[in-house]
Amino acid sequence: MVIEAFDRVQLDGTGIDRITEDEVVAVVRDALSRGRGGRIITPNVDILRRASTDPEARRHLNDADLIVADGMPLIWASRLGGAPLPERVAGSSLIWTLSEGLGRDERSVFVIGGTPAPRAWNAEPERAVLNGPTVEVPIVGRRRGTAGTAVAGAVTVREVRASGAVRAAVRLAAASPGLRIAGAVSPPFGFERDEASYAEVCEQVADARPDLVFVGLGFPKQELVIERLRGLLPATWFVGCGAAVNFVAGDVHRAPRWMQRTGLEWAHRLGTEPRRLAGRYLRHDAPYALRLLARAPRRRTRRG
């Protein structure tokens, strides 16, 4: 399915949908009511930079039904270029608003990503227990064939050997009345290099037949998983949401709202994970963002 109702703003060869977060939720809900699946990708500066030189990254963008701007530099560049995007639409926000929207329709989500359960657990299914009213959250254990139930409620979480995906699913269910959790799995690091493990994860998702799947494995790993699952679940929507599962689970804290609004969320992320992010942010992404902003007024002049 191709979404044609919204204009796309061109930024360095990538078309970004001129769409608000509320409109994204409305589009997905409407498409699901018609039995039509799709894929949302949320490029930030790093993904846009990779797509400018990497054919595989470009392929993932070209395959998306909705492309929304997850990064204030993209919003600023669109404004300087004379074709402003209405707002930032971040994957870490969409995971909440899409869950709330699907809850209204009593639809289901599957959560992939987050921190795996402790390695010491090797026999029992993982469980998460909350106080208050309960809903069942089907989950998958670390070993083939194991399964369990997470019990979700309204306020306080107490985890017992629960993975990040389970804890995120529990919190989404608690915050989104009517939402059904089709499943949750935190694949072990490197699972994509073992075909048996990879196939098992995909089989678990396909068997659950969710309406929407949040895949928080980082770009481009999550896009490759989505690419594989789309053929198995053509009526399902997919969102590559990066660190959003970790945010919802509470394993990583998102930047304060004022930093999100002012485009400084990257600085917060850099402060929390300097070893992993310093090279990417400072050596590659920051210079690219400056070039993107510097070229934007020239694009506006050419259009005029």
C-alpha atoms as a PDB file:
ATOM      1  CA  MET A   1       0.000   0.000   0.000  1.00  0.00           C
ATOM      2  CA  VAL A   2       1.207   3.495  -0.786  1.00  0.00           C
ATOM      3  CA  ILE A   3      -0.106   6.436   1.226  1.00  0.00           C
ATOM      4  CA  GLU A   4      -0.892   9.205  -1.260  1.00  0.00           C
ATOM      5  CA  ALA A   5      -2.916  11.648   0.839  1.00  0.00           C
ATOM      6  CA  PHE A   6       0.114  13.574   2.090  1.00  0.00           C
ATOM      7  CA  ASP A   7       2.721  15.594   0.208  1.00  0.00           C
ATOM      8  CA  ARG A   8       6.335  14.643   0.688  1.00  0.00           C
ATOM      9  CA  VAL A   9       9.058  17.144   1.464  1.00  0.00           C
ATOM     10  CA  GLN A  10      12.352  16.255  -0.212  1.00  0.00           C
ATOM     11  CA  LEU A  11      15.417  16.288   2.047  1.00  0.00           C
ATOM     12  CA  ASP A  12      18.659  15.116   0.450  1.00  0.00           C
ATOM     13  CA  GLY A  13      16.837  12.706  -1.836  1.00  0.00           C
ATOM     14  CA  THR A  14      14.411  11.371   0.783  1.00  0.00           C
ATOM     15  CA  GLY A  15      10.726  12.229   0.712  1.00  0.00           C
ATOM     16  CA  ILE A  16       9.360  12.936   4.207  1.00  0.00           C
ATOM     17  CA  ASP A  17       5.582  12.860   4.641  1.00  0.00           C
ATOM     18  CA  ARG A  18       4.070  16.175   5.680  1.00  0.00           C
ATOM     19  CA  ILE A  19       2.005  14.596   8.418  1.00  0.00           C
ATOM     20  CA  THR A  20       1.348  15.029  12.138  1.00  0.00           C
ATOM     21  CA  GLU A  21       1.568  12.295  14.753  1.00  0.00           C
ATOM     22  CA  ASP A  22      -2.206  12.279  15.196  1.00  0.00           C
ATOM     23  CA  GLU A  23      -2.603  11.846  11.433  1.00  0.00           C
ATOM     24  CA  VAL A  24      -0.201   8.877  11.458  1.00  0.00           C
ATOM     25  CA  VAL A  25      -2.382   7.161  14.069  1.00  0.00           C
ATOM     26  CA  ALA A  26      -5.522   7.941  12.060  1.00  0.00           C
ATOM     27  CA  VAL A  27      -3.985   6.558   8.846  1.00  0.00           C
ATOM     28  CA  VAL A  28      -2.958   3.309  10.539  1.00  0.00           C
ATOM     29  CA  ARG A  29      -6.325   2.808  12.209  1.00  0.00           C
ATOM     30  CA  ASP A  30      -8.159   3.461   8.938  1.00  0.00           C
ATOM     31  CA  ALA A  31      -5.882   1.126   6.978  1.00  0.00           C
ATOM     32  CA  LEU A  32      -6.349  -1.673   9.514  1.00  0.00           C
ATOM     33  CA  SER A  33     -10.119  -1.261   9.307  1.00  0.00           C
ATOM     34  CA  ARG A  34      -9.781  -1.897   5.565  1.00  0.00           C
ATOM     35  CA  GLY A  35      -7.529  -4.925   6.037  1.00  0.00           C
ATOM     36  CA  ARG A  36      -4.450  -3.154   4.665  1.00  0.00           C
ATOM     37  CA  GLY A  37      -1.013  -3.391   6.254  1.00  0.00           C
ATOM     38  CA  GLY A  38       1.969  -1.097   5.909  1.00  0.00           C
ATOM     39  CA  ARG A  39       5.306   0.069   7.201  1.00  0.00           C
ATOM     40  CA  ILE A  40       6.407   3.244   8.970  1.00  0.00           C
ATOM     41  CA  ILE A  41      10.021   4.375   9.040  1.00  0.00           C
ATOM     42  CA  THR A  42      11.169   7.261  11.233  1.00  0.00           C
ATOM     43  CA  PRO A  43      14.427   8.636   9.796  1.00  0.00           C
ATOM     44  CA  ASN A  44      16.622  10.887  11.889  1.00  0.00           C
ATOM     45  CA  VAL A  45      19.827  12.614  10.776  1.00  0.00           C
ATOM     46  CA  ASP A  46      21.801   9.369  11.050  1.00  0.00           C
ATOM     47  CA  ILE A  47      19.408   7.376   8.836  1.00  0.00           C
ATOM     48  CA  LEU A  48      19.161  10.217   6.305  1.00  0.00           C
ATOM     49  CA  ARG A  49      22.969  10.399   6.181  1.00  0.00           C
ATOM     50  CA  ARG A  50      23.286   6.651   5.593  1.00  0.00           C
ATOM     51  CA  ALA A  51      20.632   6.725   2.874  1.00  0.00           C
ATOM     52  CA  SER A  52      22.619   9.370   0.983  1.00  0.00           C
ATOM     53  CA  THR A  53      25.428   6.861   0.333  1.00  0.00           C
ATOM     54  CA  ASP A  54      24.171   3.363   1.218  1.00  0.00           C
ATOM     55  CA  PRO A  55      21.856   1.634  -1.309  1.00  0.00           C
ATOM     56  CA  GLU A  56      20.520  -0.753   1.361  1.00  0.00           C
ATOM     57  CA  ALA A  57      19.493   2.117   3.635  1.00  0.00           C
ATOM     58  CA  ARG A  58      17.886   3.814   0.644  1.00  0.00           C
ATOM     59  CA  ARG A  59      15.991   0.604  -0.149  1.00  0.00           C
ATOM     60  CA  HIS A  60      14.393   0.563   3.301  1.00  0.00           C
ATOM     61  CA  LEU A  61      13.204   4.136   2.874  1.00  0.00           C
ATOM     62  CA  ASN A  62      11.852   3.453  -0.586  1.00  0.00           C
ATOM     63  CA  ASP A  63       9.877   0.489   0.744  1.00  0.00           C
ATOM     64  CA  ALA A  64       8.083   2.459   3.475  1.00  0.00           C
ATOM     65  CA  ASP A  65       4.442   3.507   3.274  1.00  0.00           C
ATOM     66  CA  LEU A  66       4.920   6.392   5.690  1.00  0.00           C
ATOM     67  CA  ILE A  67       8.189   8.252   6.260  1.00  0.00           C
ATOM     68  CA  VAL A  68       8.095  10.650   9.205  1.00  0.00           C
ATOM     69  CA  ALA A  69      10.772  12.975  10.548  1.00  0.00           C
ATOM     70  CA  ASP A  70      12.298  11.773  13.826  1.00  0.00           C
ATOM     71  CA  GLY A  71      14.768  14.596  14.377  1.00  0.00           C
ATOM     72  CA  MET A  72      14.531  18.361  14.789  1.00  0.00           C
ATOM     73  CA  PRO A  73      17.312  19.070  12.232  1.00  0.00           C
ATOM     74  CA  LEU A  74      15.004  17.588   9.577  1.00  0.00           C
ATOM     75  CA  ILE A  75      12.209  19.932  10.688  1.00  0.00           C
ATOM     76  CA  TRP A  76      14.575  22.918  10.634  1.00  0.00           C
ATOM     77  CA  ALA A  77      15.895  22.012   7.179  1.00  0.00           C
ATOM     78  CA  SER A  78      12.333  21.748   5.830  1.00  0.00           C
ATOM     79  CA  ARG A  79      11.535  25.212   7.183  1.00  0.00           C
ATOM     80  CA  LEU A  80      14.679  26.744   5.732  1.00  0.00           C
ATOM     81  CA  GLY A  81      13.853  25.097   2.412  1.00  0.00           C
ATOM     82  CA  GLY A  82      10.410  26.676   2.303  1.00  0.00           C
ATOM     83  CA  ALA A  83       8.388  23.447   2.615  1.00  0.00           C
ATOM     84  CA  PRO A  84       7.949  23.065   6.377  1.00  0.00           C
ATOM     85  CA  LEU A  85       7.079  19.746   7.954  1.00  0.00           C
ATOM     86  CA  PRO A  86       4.324  20.225  10.568  1.00  0.00           C
ATOM     87  CA  GLU A  87       6.108  18.562  13.492  1.00  0.00           C
ATOM     88  CA  ARG A  88       8.594  15.976  14.609  1.00  0.00           C
ATOM     89  CA  VAL A  89       7.113  12.458  14.731  1.00  0.00           C
ATOM     90  CA  ALA A  90       9.440  10.338  16.870  1.00  0.00           C
ATOM     91  CA  GLY A  91       9.296   6.561  17.145  1.00  0.00           C
ATOM     92  CA  SER A  92       9.648   6.905  20.912  1.00  0.00           C
ATOM     93  CA  SER A  93       6.404   8.884  20.950  1.00  0.00           C
ATOM     94  CA  LEU A  94       4.575   6.867  18.290  1.00  0.00           C
ATOM     95  CA  ILE A  95       4.897   3.688  20.341  1.00  0.00           C
ATOM     96  CA  TRP A  96       2.571   5.291  22.915  1.00  0.00           C
ATOM     97  CA  THR A  97       0.120   7.061  20.602  1.00  0.00           C
ATOM     98  CA  LEU A  98      -0.277   4.131  18.215  1.00  0.00           C
ATOM     99  CA  SER A  99      -0.876   1.800  21.171  1.00  0.00           C
ATOM    100  CA  GLU A 100      -3.509   4.163  22.533  1.00  0.00           C
ATOM    101  CA  GLY A 101      -5.167   4.426  19.115  1.00  0.00           C
ATOM    102  CA  LEU A 102      -5.203   0.670  18.557  1.00  0.00           C
ATOM    103  CA  GLY A 103      -6.560   0.213  22.063  1.00  0.00           C
ATOM    104  CA  ARG A 104      -9.645   2.173  21.047  1.00  0.00           C
ATOM    105  CA  ASP A 105     -10.265  -0.424  18.357  1.00  0.00           C
ATOM    106  CA  GLU A 106      -9.352  -3.345  20.662  1.00  0.00           C
ATOM    107  CA  ARG A 107      -6.531  -4.338  18.343  1.00  0.00           C
ATOM    108  CA  SER A 108      -3.251  -6.072  19.134  1.00  0.00           C
ATOM    109  CA  VAL A 109       0.451  -5.263  19.117  1.00  0.00           C
ATOM    110  CA  PHE A 110       3.616  -7.351  19.293  1.00  0.00           C
ATOM    111  CA  VAL A 111       6.796  -5.898  20.829  1.00  0.00           C
ATOM    112  CA  ILE A 112      10.271  -6.920  19.638  1.00  0.00           C
ATOM    113  CA  GLY A 113      13.431  -5.545  21.224  1.00  0.00           C
ATOM    114  CA  GLY A 114      14.668  -4.413  24.599  1.00  0.00           C
ATOM    115  CA  THR A 115      16.999  -6.088  27.036  1.00  0.00           C
ATOM    116  CA  PRO A 116      16.883  -9.917  27.046  1.00  0.00           C
ATOM    117  CA  ALA A 117      15.957 -11.707  30.255  1.00  0.00           C
ATOM    118  CA  PRO A 118      18.904 -12.545  32.559  1.00  0.00           C
ATOM    119  CA  ARG A 119      21.056 -15.379  31.250  1.00  0.00           C
ATOM    120  CA  ALA A 120      20.667 -17.201  34.551  1.00  0.00           C
ATOM    121  CA  TRP A 121      17.066 -17.916  33.642  1.00  0.00           C
ATOM    122  CA  ASN A 122      17.024 -21.009  31.486  1.00  0.00           C
ATOM    123  CA  ALA A 123      14.027 -23.093  32.455  1.00  0.00           C
ATOM    124  CA  GLU A 124      11.007 -21.056  33.486  1.00  0.00           C
ATOM    125  CA  PRO A 125       9.016 -18.703  31.289  1.00  0.00           C
ATOM    126  CA  GLU A 126       9.603 -15.036  32.063  1.00  0.00           C
ATOM    127  CA  ARG A 127       6.900 -13.209  33.970  1.00  0.00           C
ATOM    128  CA  ALA A 128       6.066  -9.623  34.845  1.00  0.00           C
ATOM    129  CA  VAL A 129       3.717  -8.775  37.703  1.00  0.00           C
ATOM    130  CA  LEU A 130       1.895  -5.485  38.225  1.00  0.00           C
ATOM    131  CA  ASN A 131      -0.429  -4.343  40.963  1.00  0.00           C
ATOM    132  CA  GLY A 132      -4.006  -3.464  40.084  1.00  0.00           C
ATOM    133  CA  PRO A 133      -6.434  -4.614  37.370  1.00  0.00           C
ATOM    134  CA  THR A 134      -4.922  -7.287  35.183  1.00  0.00           C
ATOM    135  CA  VAL A 135      -4.657  -8.145  31.519  1.00  0.00           C
ATOM    136  CA  GLU A 136      -2.799 -11.081  30.025  1.00  0.00           C
ATOM    137  CA  VAL A 137       0.336 -10.494  27.988  1.00  0.00           C
ATOM    138  CA  PRO A 138       1.493 -13.610  26.067  1.00  0.00           C
ATOM    139  CA  ILE A 139       5.293 -13.813  26.067  1.00  0.00           C
ATOM    140  CA  VAL A 140       7.961 -16.145  24.764  1.00  0.00           C
ATOM    141  CA  GLY A 141      10.720 -17.706  26.828  1.00  0.00           C
ATOM    142  CA  ARG A 142      14.407 -17.861  25.996  1.00  0.00           C
ATOM    143  CA  ARG A 143      14.274 -21.533  25.063  1.00  0.00           C
ATOM    144  CA  ARG A 144      12.429 -23.017  22.121  1.00  0.00           C
ATOM    145  CA  GLY A 145       8.934 -24.103  23.068  1.00  0.00           C
ATOM    146  CA  THR A 146       8.635 -22.219  26.363  1.00  0.00           C
ATOM    147  CA  ALA A 147       5.908 -19.658  26.877  1.00  0.00           C
ATOM    148  CA  GLY A 148       4.312 -17.747  29.706  1.00  0.00           C
ATOM    149  CA  THR A 149       1.974 -14.976  30.740  1.00  0.00           C
ATOM    150  CA  ALA A 150       2.719 -11.494  31.980  1.00  0.00           C
ATOM    151  CA  VAL A 151       0.088  -9.906  34.185  1.00  0.00           C
ATOM    152  CA  ALA A 152      -0.426  -6.203  33.573  1.00  0.00           C
ATOM    153  CA  GLY A 153      -2.119  -3.634  35.743  1.00  0.00           C
ATOM    154  CA  ALA A 154      -2.373   0.084  36.205  1.00  0.00           C
ATOM    155  CA  VAL A 155       0.470   1.589  38.197  1.00  0.00           C
ATOM    156  CA  THR A 156       3.501  -0.106  39.738  1.00  0.00           C
ATOM    157  CA  VAL A 157       5.734  -2.656  38.037  1.00  0.00           C
ATOM    158  CA  ARG A 158       7.641  -5.441  39.774  1.00  0.00           C
ATOM    159  CA  GLU A 159       9.654  -7.531  37.323  1.00  0.00           C
ATOM    160  CA  VAL A 160      10.553 -11.177  37.876  1.00  0.00           C
ATOM    161  CA  ARG A 161      13.141 -12.229  35.288  1.00  0.00           C
ATOM    162  CA  ALA A 162      11.243 -10.211  32.672  1.00  0.00           C
ATOM    163  CA  SER A 163      12.813  -9.029  29.444  1.00  0.00           C
ATOM    164  CA  GLY A 164      12.617  -5.440  28.230  1.00  0.00           C
ATOM    165  CA  ALA A 165      10.006  -6.353  25.629  1.00  0.00           C
ATOM    166  CA  VAL A 166       7.725  -7.866  28.269  1.00  0.00           C
ATOM    167  CA  ARG A 167       8.071  -4.891  30.578  1.00  0.00           C
ATOM    168  CA  ALA A 168       7.400  -2.512  27.680  1.00  0.00           C
ATOM    169  CA  ALA A 169       4.335  -4.525  26.619  1.00  0.00           C
ATOM    170  CA  VAL A 170       2.988  -4.487  30.167  1.00  0.00           C
ATOM    171  CA  ARG A 171       3.306  -0.714  30.390  1.00  0.00           C
ATOM    172  CA  LEU A 172       1.752  -0.140  26.984  1.00  0.00           C
ATOM    173  CA  ALA A 173      -1.201  -2.328  27.958  1.00  0.00           C
ATOM    174  CA  ALA A 174      -1.611  -0.507  31.263  1.00  0.00           C
ATOM    175  CA  ALA A 175      -1.632   2.899  29.534  1.00  0.00           C
ATOM    176  CA  SER A 176      -3.871   1.923  26.583  1.00  0.00           C
ATOM    177  CA  PRO A 177      -7.330   0.607  27.556  1.00  0.00           C
ATOM    178  CA  GLY A 178      -8.548  -2.013  25.102  1.00  0.00           C
ATOM    179  CA  LEU A 179      -5.086  -2.799  23.732  1.00  0.00           C
ATOM    180  CA  ARG A 180      -4.325  -6.491  23.336  1.00  0.00           C
ATOM    181  CA  ILE A 181      -0.731  -7.749  23.528  1.00  0.00           C
ATOM    182  CA  ALA A 182      -0.176 -10.460  20.928  1.00  0.00           C
ATOM    183  CA  GLY A 183       3.313 -11.162  22.242  1.00  0.00           C
ATOM    184  CA  ALA A 184       6.682  -9.789  23.295  1.00  0.00           C
ATOM    185  CA  VAL A 185      10.207 -11.032  22.701  1.00  0.00           C
ATOM    186  CA  SER A 186      13.701  -9.673  23.351  1.00  0.00           C
ATOM    187  CA  PRO A 187      15.982 -11.628  21.007  1.00  0.00           C
ATOM    188  CA  PRO A 188      19.495 -12.305  22.294  1.00  0.00           C
ATOM    189  CA  PHE A 189      22.333 -10.221  20.868  1.00  0.00           C
ATOM    190  CA  GLY A 190      23.455 -11.597  17.520  1.00  0.00           C
ATOM    191  CA  PHE A 191      20.307 -13.659  16.923  1.00  0.00           C
ATOM    192  CA  GLU A 192      20.208 -12.435  13.320  1.00  0.00           C
ATOM    193  CA  ARG A 193      23.449 -14.309  12.591  1.00  0.00           C
ATOM    194  CA  ASP A 194      21.854 -17.658  13.491  1.00  0.00           C
ATOM    195  CA  GLU A 195      19.217 -18.655  10.952  1.00  0.00           C
ATOM    196  CA  ALA A 196      17.415 -20.972  13.368  1.00  0.00           C
ATOM    197  CA  SER A 197      17.066 -18.209  15.980  1.00  0.00           C
ATOM    198  CA  TYR A 198      16.071 -15.672  13.335  1.00  0.00           C
ATOM    199  CA  ALA A 199      13.419 -17.966  11.896  1.00  0.00           C
ATOM    200  CA  GLU A 200      12.090 -18.771  15.369  1.00  0.00           C
ATOM    201  CA  VAL A 201      11.544 -15.092  16.206  1.00  0.00           C
ATOM    202  CA  CYS A 202       9.766 -14.498  12.895  1.00  0.00           C
ATOM    203  CA  GLU A 203       7.645 -17.617  13.379  1.00  0.00           C
ATOM    204  CA  GLN A 204       6.574 -16.452  16.841  1.00  0.00           C
ATOM    205  CA  VAL A 205       5.412 -13.118  15.457  1.00  0.00           C
ATOM    206  CA  ALA A 206       3.679 -14.642  12.433  1.00  0.00           C
ATOM    207  CA  ASP A 207       1.824 -17.180  14.598  1.00  0.00           C
ATOM    208  CA  ALA A 208       0.540 -14.386  16.870  1.00  0.00           C
ATOM    209  CA  ARG A 209      -0.971 -12.487  13.892  1.00  0.00           C
ATOM    210  CA  PRO A 210      -0.759  -9.017  15.494  1.00  0.00           C
ATOM    211  CA  ASP A 211      -2.301  -5.900  13.993  1.00  0.00           C
ATOM    212  CA  LEU A 212       0.904  -3.906  14.566  1.00  0.00           C
ATOM    213  CA  VAL A 213       4.488  -4.818  15.412  1.00  0.00           C
ATOM    214  CA  PHE A 214       6.950  -2.494  17.157  1.00  0.00           C
ATOM    215  CA  VAL A 215      10.504  -3.515  16.238  1.00  0.00           C
ATOM    216  CA  GLY A 216      13.086  -1.805  18.431  1.00  0.00           C
ATOM    217  CA  LEU A 217      16.386  -3.325  17.307  1.00  0.00           C
ATOM    218  CA  GLY A 218      18.111  -0.291  15.810  1.00  0.00           C
ATOM    219  CA  PHE A 219      18.597   0.648  12.177  1.00  0.00           C
ATOM    220  CA  PRO A 220      19.046  -1.249   9.885  1.00  0.00           C
ATOM    221  CA  LYS A 221      18.610  -4.530  11.811  1.00  0.00           C
ATOM    222  CA  GLN A 222      14.990  -3.741  12.638  1.00  0.00           C
ATOM    223  CA  GLU A 223      14.248  -2.907   8.997  1.00  0.00           C
ATOM    224  CA  LEU A 224      15.594  -6.271   7.871  1.00  0.00           C
ATOM    225  CA  VAL A 225      13.355  -8.032  10.394  1.00  0.00           C
ATOM    226  CA  ILE A 226      10.366  -6.009   9.176  1.00  0.00           C
ATOM    227  CA  GLU A 227      11.228  -6.817   5.566  1.00  0.00           C
ATOM    228  CA  ARG A 228      11.135 -10.507   6.373  1.00  0.00           C
ATOM    229  CA  LEU A 229       7.904 -10.318   8.380  1.00  0.00           C
ATOM    230  CA  ARG A 230       5.930  -8.267   5.856  1.00  0.00           C
ATOM    231  CA  GLY A 231       5.665 -11.198   3.500  1.00  0.00           C
ATOM    232  CA  LEU A 232       4.248 -13.332   6.312  1.00  0.00           C
ATOM    233  CA  LEU A 233       1.833 -10.675   7.622  1.00  0.00           C
ATOM    234  CA  PRO A 234       0.608  -8.526   4.710  1.00  0.00           C
ATOM    235  CA  ALA A 235      -2.315  -7.065   6.713  1.00  0.00           C
ATOM    236  CA  THR A 236      -0.089  -5.981   9.630  1.00  0.00           C
ATOM    237  CA  TRP A 237       1.549  -2.606  10.249  1.00  0.00           C
ATOM    238  CA  PHE A 238       5.212  -2.375  11.277  1.00  0.00           C
ATOM    239  CA  VAL A 239       7.156   0.404  12.980  1.00  0.00           C
ATOM    240  CA  GLY A 240      10.938   0.416  13.331  1.00  0.00           C
ATOM    241  CA  CYS A 241      11.189   2.298  16.614  1.00  0.00           C
ATOM    242  CA  GLY A 242      14.854   2.106  17.648  1.00  0.00           C
ATOM    243  CA  ALA A 243      15.369   2.738  21.355  1.00  0.00           C
ATOM    244  CA  ALA A 244      11.639   3.215  22.034  1.00  0.00           C
ATOM    245  CA  VAL A 245      11.219  -0.259  23.565  1.00  0.00           C
ATOM    246  CA  ASN A 246      14.046   0.480  26.006  1.00  0.00           C
ATOM    247  CA  PHE A 247      12.438   3.823  26.862  1.00  0.00           C
ATOM    248  CA  VAL A 248       9.037   2.268  27.545  1.00  0.00           C
ATOM    249  CA  ALA A 249      10.585  -0.570  29.561  1.00  0.00           C
ATOM    250  CA  GLY A 250      12.415   1.981  31.701  1.00  0.00           C
ATOM    251  CA  ASP A 251      15.900   0.648  30.914  1.00  0.00           C
ATOM    252  CA  VAL A 252      16.921   3.911  29.212  1.00  0.00           C
ATOM    253  CA  HIS A 253      15.555   7.312  30.179  1.00  0.00           C
ATOM    254  CA  ARG A 254      14.435   9.630  27.411  1.00  0.00           C
ATOM    255  CA  ALA A 255      15.559  13.256  27.404  1.00  0.00           C
ATOM    256  CA  PRO A 256      13.403  15.862  29.191  1.00  0.00           C
ATOM    257  CA  ARG A 257      10.680  17.413  27.040  1.00  0.00           C
ATOM    258  CA  TRP A 258      12.490  20.754  26.744  1.00  0.00           C
ATOM    259  CA  MET A 259      15.488  18.957  25.195  1.00  0.00           C
ATOM    260  CA  GLN A 260      13.185  17.083  22.801  1.00  0.00           C
ATOM    261  CA  ARG A 261      11.502  20.344  21.712  1.00  0.00           C
ATOM    262  CA  THR A 262      14.757  22.245  21.237  1.00  0.00           C
ATOM    263  CA  GLY A 263      16.535  19.538  19.269  1.00  0.00           C
ATOM    264  CA  LEU A 264      18.949  18.600  22.056  1.00  0.00           C
ATOM    265  CA  GLU A 265      17.767  15.036  22.621  1.00  0.00           C
ATOM    266  CA  TRP A 266      20.924  13.828  20.851  1.00  0.00           C
ATOM    267  CA  ALA A 267      23.016  15.495  23.594  1.00  0.00           C
ATOM    268  CA  HIS A 268      21.107  13.590  26.264  1.00  0.00           C
ATOM    269  CA  ARG A 269      21.592  10.312  24.414  1.00  0.00           C
ATOM    270  CA  LEU A 270      25.287  11.085  23.966  1.00  0.00           C
ATOM    271  CA  GLY A 271      25.615  11.743  27.697  1.00  0.00           C
ATOM    272  CA  THR A 272      23.986   8.426  28.588  1.00  0.00           C
ATOM    273  CA  GLU A 273      25.852   6.275  26.034  1.00  0.00           C
ATOM    274  CA  PRO A 274      29.060   8.158  25.124  1.00  0.00           C
ATOM    275  CA  ARG A 275      31.164   5.178  24.105  1.00  0.00           C
ATOM    276  CA  ARG A 276      28.578   3.831  21.693  1.00  0.00           C
ATOM    277  CA  LEU A 277      27.353   7.124  20.237  1.00  0.00           C
ATOM    278  CA  ALA A 278      30.233   9.626  20.326  1.00  0.00           C
ATOM    279  CA  GLY A 279      31.832   8.529  17.058  1.00  0.00           C
ATOM    280  CA  ARG A 280      28.549   8.418  15.173  1.00  0.00           C
ATOM    281  CA  TYR A 281      27.124  11.668  16.534  1.00  0.00           C
ATOM    282  CA  LEU A 282      30.209  13.878  16.536  1.00  0.00           C
ATOM    283  CA  ARG A 283      32.235  12.528  13.617  1.00  0.00           C
ATOM    284  CA  HIS A 284      29.439  11.769  11.172  1.00  0.00           C
ATOM    285  CA  ASP A 285      25.956  13.012  12.096  1.00  0.00           C
ATOM    286  CA  ALA A 286      26.753  16.536  13.324  1.00  0.00           C
ATOM    287  CA  PRO A 287      28.725  17.540  10.175  1.00  0.00           C
ATOM    288  CA  TYR A 288      26.014  16.026   7.978  1.00  0.00           C
ATOM    289  CA  ALA A 289      23.282  17.953   9.845  1.00  0.00           C
ATOM    290  CA  LEU A 290      25.175  21.204   9.343  1.00  0.00           C
ATOM    291  CA  ARG A 291      25.525  20.533   5.602  1.00  0.00           C
ATOM    292  CA  LEU A 292      21.822  19.652   5.383  1.00  0.00           C
ATOM    293  CA  LEU A 293      20.859  22.947   7.007  1.00  0.00           C
ATOM    294  CA  ALA A 294      23.326  24.943   4.905  1.00  0.00           C
ATOM    295  CA  ARG A 295      21.925  23.543   1.642  1.00  0.00           C
ATOM    296  CA  ALA A 296      18.273  24.115   2.564  1.00  0.00           C
ATOM    297  CA  PRO A 297      18.047  27.840   1.666  1.00  0.00           C
ATOM    298  CA  ARG A 298      19.610  27.111  -1.753  1.00  0.00           C
ATOM    299  CA  ARG A 299      16.880  24.564  -2.454  1.00  0.00           C
ATOM    300  CA  ARG A 300      14.315  27.197  -1.565  1.00  0.00           C
ATOM    301  CA  THR A 301      15.933  29.670  -3.982  1.00  0.00           C
ATOM    302  CA  ARG A 302      15.924  27.143  -6.834  1.00  0.00           C
ATOM    303  CA  ARG A 303      12.217  26.444  -6.277  1.00  0.00           C
ATOM    304  CA  GLY A 304      11.427  30.145  -6.236  1.00  0.00           C
END
